[in-house]
Amino acid sequence: MLTHRFALHVSDRRLFLLVELGGLGGRMVIAFVGVALGLAYAPVHEGAFIATVLVLLILSMSVEARTVIRRMDAGTLRR
């Protein structure tokens, strides 16, 4: 959410998209650390755990990117 607010103050559309996608990448790193900790300290089936986290991460990123693109196209993306 912080990167989204920062991106709204950028005047260039390319830079806006770069900041938005950078925020998505940052969340991927945080998710990776969470997966590593979960696998290290919890007795879970590794394959199922990793697959579930990846699917949820990809779905959430897709929904967020689609929402931003729709708002940009509609002109409702405000500062």
Protein backbone atom coordinates (compact mmCIF):
# COMPACT_ATOMS: atom_id res chain seq x y z
CA MET A 1 0.00 0.00 0.00
CA LEU A 2 2.88 2.37 0.69
CA THR A 3 4.35 1.91 -2.77
CA HIS A 4 0.92 2.53 -4.28
CA ARG A 5 0.60 5.84 -2.45
CA PHE A 6 4.11 6.83 -3.50
CA ALA A 7 3.40 5.84 -7.10
CA LEU A 8 0.34 8.09 -7.19
CA HIS A 9 2.59 11.13 -6.70
CA VAL A 10 4.76 10.28 -9.70
CA SER A 11 3.98 12.26 -12.85
CA ASP A 12 5.26 9.75 -15.43
CA ARG A 13 3.15 6.67 -16.23
CA ARG A 14 6.19 4.48 -16.82
CA LEU A 15 7.68 5.41 -13.47
CA PHE A 16 4.29 4.82 -11.86
CA LEU A 17 4.15 1.30 -13.26
CA LEU A 18 7.76 0.66 -12.23
CA VAL A 19 7.02 1.69 -8.63
CA GLU A 20 3.84 -0.40 -8.55
CA LEU A 21 5.58 -3.51 -9.86
CA GLY A 22 8.52 -2.89 -7.53
CA GLY A 23 6.08 -3.05 -4.63
CA LEU A 24 4.80 -6.35 -5.93
CA GLY A 25 8.36 -7.64 -6.12
CA GLY A 26 8.99 -6.51 -2.56
CA ARG A 27 6.00 -8.48 -1.36
CA MET A 28 7.35 -11.51 -3.19
CA VAL A 29 10.60 -11.22 -1.22
CA ILE A 30 8.66 -10.97 2.04
CA ALA A 31 6.61 -14.01 1.04
CA PHE A 32 9.80 -15.94 0.24
CA VAL A 33 11.19 -15.18 3.69
CA GLY A 34 7.90 -16.32 5.24
CA VAL A 35 8.00 -19.54 3.23
CA ALA A 36 11.59 -20.20 4.27
CA LEU A 37 10.73 -19.65 7.94
CA GLY A 38 7.61 -21.80 7.65
CA LEU A 39 9.52 -24.65 6.08
CA ALA A 40 12.34 -24.37 8.60
CA TYR A 41 10.20 -24.39 11.75
CA ALA A 42 6.85 -26.03 10.91
CA PRO A 43 6.22 -29.70 10.12
CA VAL A 44 4.44 -29.19 6.78
CA HIS A 45 4.51 -30.97 3.44
CA GLU A 46 7.01 -28.81 1.57
CA GLY A 47 5.57 -29.21 -1.92
CA ALA A 48 2.00 -28.45 -0.92
CA PHE A 49 3.06 -25.49 1.22
CA ILE A 50 5.19 -23.90 -1.49
CA ALA A 51 2.58 -24.50 -4.20
CA THR A 52 -0.17 -22.95 -2.07
CA VAL A 53 1.89 -19.86 -1.27
CA LEU A 54 2.89 -19.39 -4.92
CA VAL A 55 -0.68 -19.75 -6.18
CA LEU A 56 -1.99 -17.26 -3.63
CA LEU A 57 0.82 -14.82 -4.40
CA ILE A 58 0.24 -14.99 -8.15
CA LEU A 59 -3.52 -14.57 -7.72
CA SER A 60 -3.15 -11.57 -5.42
CA MET A 61 -0.63 -9.90 -7.75
CA SER A 62 -2.89 -10.49 -10.75
CA VAL A 63 -5.91 -8.99 -9.01
CA GLU A 64 -3.92 -5.97 -7.84
CA ALA A 65 -2.35 -5.33 -11.26
CA ARG A 66 -5.71 -5.71 -12.98
CA THR A 67 -7.32 -3.28 -10.54
CA VAL A 68 -4.61 -0.67 -11.10
CA ILE A 69 -4.82 -1.04 -14.89
CA ARG A 70 -8.62 -0.70 -14.85
CA ARG A 71 -8.41 2.40 -12.68
CA MET A 72 -5.73 3.90 -14.94
CA ASP A 73 -7.84 3.27 -18.05
CA ALA A 74 -10.97 4.68 -16.42
CA GLY A 75 -9.10 7.74 -15.18
CA THR A 76 -10.15 7.14 -11.58
CA LEU A 77 -6.62 6.65 -10.26
CA ARG A 78 -6.22 9.69 -8.03
CA ARG A 79 -3.43 11.20 -6.01
